[in-house]
Amino acid sequence: MPNLAFDVLIALLSICLYVLWVFCLVRIFKKAGLGYWGLCSIVPIMALVLLMVLAFAEWPIAEKAKQPIGGPNPL
């Protein structure tokens, strides 16, 4: 006889880990300046597409790195 309590526990743990995964992706995409794109990772295939978006997107930190230290040259 299957143990229903164990199955329910595994299902709840899986759901919690999945929600944590989506939360982390949303945070990463917000830091990358892409807003809530991380929510698209709910669809499993979209997670791969989102990794490609992250790989080729222009990150806000890259723009800051292009500026000289101390701001733009006043001359």
PDB file of N, CA and C in Angstrom:
ATOM      1  N   MET A   1       0.844  -1.183   0.000  1.00  0.00           N
ATOM      2  CA  MET A   1       0.000   0.000   0.000  1.00  0.00           C
ATOM      3  C   MET A   1       0.890   1.247   0.000  1.00  0.00           C
ATOM      4  N   PRO A   2       0.658   2.168  -0.949  1.00  0.00           N
ATOM      5  CA  PRO A   2       1.490   3.361  -1.033  1.00  0.00           C
ATOM      6  C   PRO A   2       1.290   4.262   0.188  1.00  0.00           C
ATOM      7  N   ASN A   3       2.353   4.953   0.538  1.00  0.00           N
ATOM      8  CA  ASN A   3       2.306   5.860   1.667  1.00  0.00           C
ATOM      9  C   ASN A   3       1.929   7.249   1.163  1.00  0.00           C
ATOM     10  N   LEU A   4       0.685   7.643   1.357  1.00  0.00           N
ATOM     11  CA  LEU A   4       0.167   8.907   0.839  1.00  0.00           C
ATOM     12  C   LEU A   4       0.835  10.099   1.507  1.00  0.00           C
ATOM     13  N   ALA A   5       1.124  10.004   2.790  1.00  0.00           N
ATOM     14  CA  ALA A   5       1.738  11.121   3.507  1.00  0.00           C
ATOM     15  C   ALA A   5       3.118  11.439   2.919  1.00  0.00           C
ATOM     16  N   PHE A   6       3.879  10.410   2.587  1.00  0.00           N
ATOM     17  CA  PHE A   6       5.196  10.620   1.994  1.00  0.00           C
ATOM     18  C   PHE A   6       5.068  11.275   0.626  1.00  0.00           C
ATOM     19  N   ASP A   7       4.114  10.852  -0.172  1.00  0.00           N
ATOM     20  CA  ASP A   7       3.895  11.440  -1.496  1.00  0.00           C
ATOM     21  C   ASP A   7       3.509  12.909  -1.392  1.00  0.00           C
ATOM     22  N   VAL A   8       2.662  13.226  -0.435  1.00  0.00           N
ATOM     23  CA  VAL A   8       2.245  14.619  -0.231  1.00  0.00           C
ATOM     24  C   VAL A   8       3.443  15.459   0.223  1.00  0.00           C
ATOM     25  N   LEU A   9       4.264  14.915   1.108  1.00  0.00           N
ATOM     26  CA  LEU A   9       5.449  15.621   1.584  1.00  0.00           C
ATOM     27  C   LEU A   9       6.417  15.913   0.437  1.00  0.00           C
ATOM     28  N   ILE A  10       6.649  14.933  -0.402  1.00  0.00           N
ATOM     29  CA  ILE A  10       7.528  15.121  -1.562  1.00  0.00           C
ATOM     30  C   ILE A  10       6.946  16.161  -2.516  1.00  0.00           C
ATOM     31  N   ALA A  11       5.649  16.134  -2.744  1.00  0.00           N
ATOM     32  CA  ALA A  11       5.003  17.106  -3.628  1.00  0.00           C
ATOM     33  C   ALA A  11       5.134  18.522  -3.072  1.00  0.00           C
ATOM     34  N   LEU A  12       4.915  18.692  -1.775  1.00  0.00           N
ATOM     35  CA  LEU A  12       5.036  20.015  -1.161  1.00  0.00           C
ATOM     36  C   LEU A  12       6.481  20.520  -1.199  1.00  0.00           C
ATOM     37  N   LEU A  13       7.419  19.629  -0.949  1.00  0.00           N
ATOM     38  CA  LEU A  13       8.820  20.006  -1.013  1.00  0.00           C
ATOM     39  C   LEU A  13       9.207  20.417  -2.433  1.00  0.00           C
ATOM     40  N   SER A  14       8.726  19.695  -3.412  1.00  0.00           N
ATOM     41  CA  SER A  14       9.006  20.023  -4.814  1.00  0.00           C
ATOM     42  C   SER A  14       8.429  21.385  -5.185  1.00  0.00           C
ATOM     43  N   ILE A  15       7.230  21.654  -4.749  1.00  0.00           N
ATOM     44  CA  ILE A  15       6.590  22.943  -5.042  1.00  0.00           C
ATOM     45  C   ILE A  15       7.355  24.074  -4.375  1.00  0.00           C
ATOM     46  N   CYS A  16       7.775  23.875  -3.133  1.00  0.00           N
ATOM     47  CA  CYS A  16       8.545  24.909  -2.425  1.00  0.00           C
ATOM     48  C   CYS A  16       9.875  25.190  -3.124  1.00  0.00           C
ATOM     49  N   LEU A  17      10.563  24.160  -3.545  1.00  0.00           N
ATOM     50  CA  LEU A  17      11.829  24.353  -4.239  1.00  0.00           C
ATOM     51  C   LEU A  17      11.627  25.048  -5.586  1.00  0.00           C
ATOM     52  N   TYR A  18      10.547  24.726  -6.277  1.00  0.00           N
ATOM     53  CA  TYR A  18      10.257  25.357  -7.558  1.00  0.00           C
ATOM     54  C   TYR A  18       9.946  26.839  -7.374  1.00  0.00           C
ATOM     55  N   VAL A  19       9.184  27.175  -6.338  1.00  0.00           N
ATOM     56  CA  VAL A  19       8.871  28.575  -6.057  1.00  0.00           C
ATOM     57  C   VAL A  19      10.144  29.331  -5.697  1.00  0.00           C
ATOM     58  N   LEU A  20      11.026  28.699  -4.931  1.00  0.00           N
ATOM     59  CA  LEU A  20      12.304  29.319  -4.596  1.00  0.00           C
ATOM     60  C   LEU A  20      13.133  29.568  -5.854  1.00  0.00           C
ATOM     61  N   TRP A  21      13.162  28.611  -6.760  1.00  0.00           N
ATOM     62  CA  TRP A  21      13.883  28.740  -8.029  1.00  0.00           C
ATOM     63  C   TRP A  21      13.358  29.936  -8.834  1.00  0.00           C
ATOM     64  N   VAL A  22      12.041  30.062  -8.949  1.00  0.00           N
ATOM     65  CA  VAL A  22      11.452  31.166  -9.711  1.00  0.00           C
ATOM     66  C   VAL A  22      11.751  32.492  -9.017  1.00  0.00           C
ATOM     67  N   PHE A  23      11.681  32.522  -7.695  1.00  0.00           N
ATOM     68  CA  PHE A  23      11.988  33.733  -6.939  1.00  0.00           C
ATOM     69  C   PHE A  23      13.432  34.184  -7.200  1.00  0.00           C
ATOM     70  N   CYS A  24      14.356  33.238  -7.173  1.00  0.00           N
ATOM     71  CA  CYS A  24      15.766  33.564  -7.423  1.00  0.00           C
ATOM     72  C   CYS A  24      15.965  34.098  -8.837  1.00  0.00           C
ATOM     73  N   LEU A  25      15.320  33.486  -9.812  1.00  0.00           N
ATOM     74  CA  LEU A  25      15.448  33.969 -11.193  1.00  0.00           C
ATOM     75  C   LEU A  25      14.867  35.364 -11.359  1.00  0.00           C
ATOM     76  N   VAL A  26      13.754  35.641 -10.695  1.00  0.00           N
ATOM     77  CA  VAL A  26      13.169  36.983 -10.772  1.00  0.00           C
ATOM     78  C   VAL A  26      14.146  37.999 -10.201  1.00  0.00           C
ATOM     79  N   ARG A  27      14.792  37.677  -9.078  1.00  0.00           N
ATOM     80  CA  ARG A  27      15.773  38.584  -8.474  1.00  0.00           C
ATOM     81  C   ARG A  27      16.955  38.837  -9.420  1.00  0.00           C
ATOM     82  N   ILE A  28      17.436  37.782 -10.054  1.00  0.00           N
ATOM     83  CA  ILE A  28      18.565  37.922 -10.981  1.00  0.00           C
ATOM     84  C   ILE A  28      18.178  38.802 -12.165  1.00  0.00           C
ATOM     85  N   PHE A  29      17.000  38.572 -12.723  1.00  0.00           N
ATOM     86  CA  PHE A  29      16.573  39.366 -13.878  1.00  0.00           C
ATOM     87  C   PHE A  29      16.318  40.816 -13.499  1.00  0.00           C
ATOM     88  N   LYS A  30      15.835  41.076 -12.285  1.00  0.00           N
ATOM     89  CA  LYS A  30      15.651  42.456 -11.850  1.00  0.00           C
ATOM     90  C   LYS A  30      17.001  43.160 -11.739  1.00  0.00           C
ATOM     91  N   LYS A  31      18.018  42.460 -11.222  1.00  0.00           N
ATOM     92  CA  LYS A  31      19.348  43.051 -11.120  1.00  0.00           C
ATOM     93  C   LYS A  31      19.958  43.279 -12.492  1.00  0.00           C
ATOM     94  N   ALA A  32      19.585  42.464 -13.446  1.00  0.00           N
ATOM     95  CA  ALA A  32      20.092  42.620 -14.807  1.00  0.00           C
ATOM     96  C   ALA A  32      19.317  43.674 -15.582  1.00  0.00           C
ATOM     97  N   GLY A  33      18.302  44.270 -14.953  1.00  0.00           N
ATOM     98  CA  GLY A  33      17.527  45.316 -15.604  1.00  0.00           C
ATOM     99  C   GLY A  33      16.443  44.793 -16.530  1.00  0.00           C
ATOM    100  N   LEU A  34      16.062  43.538 -16.363  1.00  0.00           N
ATOM    101  CA  LEU A  34      15.060  42.943 -17.245  1.00  0.00           C
ATOM    102  C   LEU A  34      13.736  42.685 -16.541  1.00  0.00           C
ATOM    103  N   GLY A  35      13.531  43.292 -15.396  1.00  0.00           N
ATOM    104  CA  GLY A  35      12.260  43.208 -14.693  1.00  0.00           C
ATOM    105  C   GLY A  35      11.861  41.806 -14.282  1.00  0.00           C
ATOM    106  N   TYR A  36      10.635  41.463 -14.580  1.00  0.00           N
ATOM    107  CA  TYR A  36      10.071  40.192 -14.127  1.00  0.00           C
ATOM    108  C   TYR A  36      10.148  39.095 -15.180  1.00  0.00           C
ATOM    109  N   TRP A  37      11.144  39.116 -16.036  1.00  0.00           N
ATOM    110  CA  TRP A  37      11.316  38.067 -17.044  1.00  0.00           C
ATOM    111  C   TRP A  37      11.490  36.704 -16.397  1.00  0.00           C
ATOM    112  N   GLY A  38      11.967  36.662 -15.182  1.00  0.00           N
ATOM    113  CA  GLY A  38      12.179  35.404 -14.478  1.00  0.00           C
ATOM    114  C   GLY A  38      10.904  34.611 -14.281  1.00  0.00           C
ATOM    115  N   LEU A  39       9.762  35.294 -14.300  1.00  0.00           N
ATOM    116  CA  LEU A  39       8.487  34.587 -14.171  1.00  0.00           C
ATOM    117  C   LEU A  39       8.227  33.673 -15.361  1.00  0.00           C
ATOM    118  N   CYS A  40       8.848  33.958 -16.475  1.00  0.00           N
ATOM    119  CA  CYS A  40       8.690  33.089 -17.648  1.00  0.00           C
ATOM    120  C   CYS A  40       9.290  31.714 -17.407  1.00  0.00           C
ATOM    121  N   SER A  41      10.121  31.584 -16.399  1.00  0.00           N
ATOM    122  CA  SER A  41      10.744  30.284 -16.122  1.00  0.00           C
ATOM    123  C   SER A  41       9.749  29.275 -15.570  1.00  0.00           C
ATOM    124  N   ILE A  42       8.528  29.696 -15.337  1.00  0.00           N
ATOM    125  CA  ILE A  42       7.489  28.762 -14.898  1.00  0.00           C
ATOM    126  C   ILE A  42       7.269  27.704 -15.977  1.00  0.00           C
ATOM    127  N   VAL A  43       7.394  28.114 -17.237  1.00  0.00           N
ATOM    128  CA  VAL A  43       7.323  27.168 -18.346  1.00  0.00           C
ATOM    129  C   VAL A  43       8.712  26.557 -18.500  1.00  0.00           C
ATOM    130  N   PRO A  44       8.860  25.241 -18.375  1.00  0.00           N
ATOM    131  CA  PRO A  44      10.195  24.628 -18.323  1.00  0.00           C
ATOM    132  C   PRO A  44      11.115  24.969 -19.493  1.00  0.00           C
ATOM    133  N   ILE A  45      10.650  24.956 -20.714  1.00  0.00           N
ATOM    134  CA  ILE A  45      11.512  25.250 -21.858  1.00  0.00           C
ATOM    135  C   ILE A  45      11.959  26.713 -21.837  1.00  0.00           C
ATOM    136  N   MET A  46      11.142  27.586 -21.297  1.00  0.00           N
ATOM    137  CA  MET A  46      11.477  29.010 -21.248  1.00  0.00           C
ATOM    138  C   MET A  46      12.703  29.274 -20.386  1.00  0.00           C
ATOM    139  N   ALA A  47      12.998  28.402 -19.436  1.00  0.00           N
ATOM    140  CA  ALA A  47      14.177  28.593 -18.595  1.00  0.00           C
ATOM    141  C   ALA A  47      15.447  28.587 -19.450  1.00  0.00           C
ATOM    142  N   LEU A  48      15.497  27.733 -20.447  1.00  0.00           N
ATOM    143  CA  LEU A  48      16.651  27.708 -21.350  1.00  0.00           C
ATOM    144  C   LEU A  48      16.726  28.979 -22.186  1.00  0.00           C
ATOM    145  N   VAL A  49      15.593  29.443 -22.653  1.00  0.00           N
ATOM    146  CA  VAL A  49      15.549  30.680 -23.427  1.00  0.00           C
ATOM    147  C   VAL A  49      15.996  31.850 -22.555  1.00  0.00           C
ATOM    148  N   LEU A  50      15.572  31.861 -21.303  1.00  0.00           N
ATOM    149  CA  LEU A  50      15.938  32.943 -20.397  1.00  0.00           C
ATOM    150  C   LEU A  50      17.431  32.966 -20.112  1.00  0.00           C
ATOM    151  N   LEU A  51      18.055  31.802 -20.054  1.00  0.00           N
ATOM    152  CA  LEU A  51      19.501  31.769 -19.871  1.00  0.00           C
ATOM    153  C   LEU A  51      20.208  32.406 -21.060  1.00  0.00           C
ATOM    154  N   MET A  52      19.670  32.196 -22.254  1.00  0.00           N
ATOM    155  CA  MET A  52      20.251  32.828 -23.436  1.00  0.00           C
ATOM    156  C   MET A  52      20.040  34.342 -23.402  1.00  0.00           C
ATOM    157  N   VAL A  53      18.876  34.769 -22.933  1.00  0.00           N
ATOM    158  CA  VAL A  53      18.608  36.206 -22.806  1.00  0.00           C
ATOM    159  C   VAL A  53      19.609  36.822 -21.835  1.00  0.00           C
ATOM    160  N   LEU A  54      19.849  36.164 -20.713  1.00  0.00           N
ATOM    161  CA  LEU A  54      20.816  36.671 -19.741  1.00  0.00           C
ATOM    162  C   LEU A  54      22.220  36.725 -20.324  1.00  0.00           C
ATOM    163  N   ALA A  55      22.560  35.734 -21.109  1.00  0.00           N
ATOM    164  CA  ALA A  55      23.911  35.661 -21.660  1.00  0.00           C
ATOM    165  C   ALA A  55      24.199  36.796 -22.639  1.00  0.00           C
ATOM    166  N   PHE A  56      23.199  37.208 -23.397  1.00  0.00           N
ATOM    167  CA  PHE A  56      23.435  38.189 -24.451  1.00  0.00           C
ATOM    168  C   PHE A  56      22.841  39.563 -24.174  1.00  0.00           C
ATOM    169  N   ALA A  57      22.191  39.745 -23.046  1.00  0.00           N
ATOM    170  CA  ALA A  57      21.605  41.049 -22.706  1.00  0.00           C
ATOM    171  C   ALA A  57      22.693  42.004 -22.231  1.00  0.00           C
ATOM    172  N   GLU A  58      22.461  43.272 -22.393  1.00  0.00           N
ATOM    173  CA  GLU A  58      23.360  44.306 -21.880  1.00  0.00           C
ATOM    174  C   GLU A  58      22.992  44.579 -20.429  1.00  0.00           C
ATOM    175  N   TRP A  59      23.891  44.279 -19.521  1.00  0.00           N
ATOM    176  CA  TRP A  59      23.637  44.449 -18.098  1.00  0.00           C
ATOM    177  C   TRP A  59      23.947  45.881 -17.681  1.00  0.00           C
ATOM    178  N   PRO A  60      23.206  46.427 -16.706  1.00  0.00           N
ATOM    179  CA  PRO A  60      23.468  47.800 -16.254  1.00  0.00           C
ATOM    180  C   PRO A  60      24.895  47.988 -15.733  1.00  0.00           C
ATOM    181  N   ILE A  61      25.470  46.990 -15.122  1.00  0.00           N
ATOM    182  CA  ILE A  61      26.827  47.114 -14.600  1.00  0.00           C
ATOM    183  C   ILE A  61      27.840  47.270 -15.734  1.00  0.00           C
ATOM    184  N   ALA A  62      27.545  46.722 -16.903  1.00  0.00           N
ATOM    185  CA  ALA A  62      28.448  46.856 -18.050  1.00  0.00           C
ATOM    186  C   ALA A  62      28.496  48.303 -18.532  1.00  0.00           C
ATOM    187  N   GLU A  63      27.370  48.989 -18.466  1.00  0.00           N
ATOM    188  CA  GLU A  63      27.344  50.397 -18.860  1.00  0.00           C
ATOM    189  C   GLU A  63      28.159  51.238 -17.884  1.00  0.00           C
ATOM    190  N   LYS A  64      28.070  50.920 -16.596  1.00  0.00           N
ATOM    191  CA  LYS A  64      28.838  51.652 -15.597  1.00  0.00           C
ATOM    192  C   LYS A  64      30.330  51.400 -15.781  1.00  0.00           C
ATOM    193  N   ALA A  65      30.684  50.211 -16.186  1.00  0.00           N
ATOM    194  CA  ALA A  65      32.095  49.876 -16.363  1.00  0.00           C
ATOM    195  C   ALA A  65      32.702  50.621 -17.548  1.00  0.00           C
ATOM    196  N   LYS A  66      31.887  51.012 -18.517  1.00  0.00           N
ATOM    197  CA  LYS A  66      32.389  51.736 -19.687  1.00  0.00           C
ATOM    198  C   LYS A  66      32.729  53.192 -19.359  1.00  0.00           C
ATOM    199  N   GLN A  67      32.114  53.735 -18.310  1.00  0.00           N
ATOM    200  CA  GLN A  67      32.352  55.127 -17.937  1.00  0.00           C
ATOM    201  C   GLN A  67      33.693  55.231 -17.210  1.00  0.00           C
ATOM    202  N   PRO A  68      34.420  56.315 -17.456  1.00  0.00           N
ATOM    203  CA  PRO A  68      35.686  56.482 -16.728  1.00  0.00           C
ATOM    204  C   PRO A  68      35.435  56.712 -15.247  1.00  0.00           C
ATOM    205  N   ILE A  69      36.427  56.381 -14.433  1.00  0.00           N
ATOM    206  CA  ILE A  69      36.299  56.585 -12.991  1.00  0.00           C
ATOM    207  C   ILE A  69      36.218  58.069 -12.712  1.00  0.00           C
ATOM    208  N   GLY A  70      35.274  58.449 -11.873  1.00  0.00           N
ATOM    209  CA  GLY A  70      35.092  59.871 -11.548  1.00  0.00           C
ATOM    210  C   GLY A  70      34.075  60.540 -12.452  1.00  0.00           C
ATOM    211  N   GLY A  71      33.421  59.791 -13.309  1.00  0.00           N
ATOM    212  CA  GLY A  71      32.387  60.365 -14.171  1.00  0.00           C
ATOM    213  C   GLY A  71      32.948  60.778 -15.519  1.00  0.00           C
ATOM    214  N   PRO A  72      32.120  61.401 -16.339  1.00  0.00           N
ATOM    215  CA  PRO A  72      32.552  61.805 -17.678  1.00  0.00           C
ATOM    216  C   PRO A  72      33.594  62.932 -17.618  1.00  0.00           C
ATOM    217  N   ASN A  73      34.393  63.021 -18.643  1.00  0.00           N
ATOM    218  CA  ASN A  73      35.431  64.041 -18.747  1.00  0.00           C
ATOM    219  C   ASN A  73      34.787  65.396 -19.012  1.00  0.00           C
ATOM    220  N   PRO A  74      35.036  66.399 -18.135  1.00  0.00           N
ATOM    221  CA  PRO A  74      34.375  67.703 -18.337  1.00  0.00           C
ATOM    222  C   PRO A  74      34.956  68.510 -19.499  1.00  0.00           C
ATOM    223  N   LEU A  75      36.075  68.134 -20.037  1.00  0.00           N
ATOM    224  CA  LEU A  75      36.683  68.911 -21.123  1.00  0.00           C
ATOM    225  C   LEU A  75      36.121  68.531 -22.412  1.00  0.00           C
TER     226      LEU A  75
END
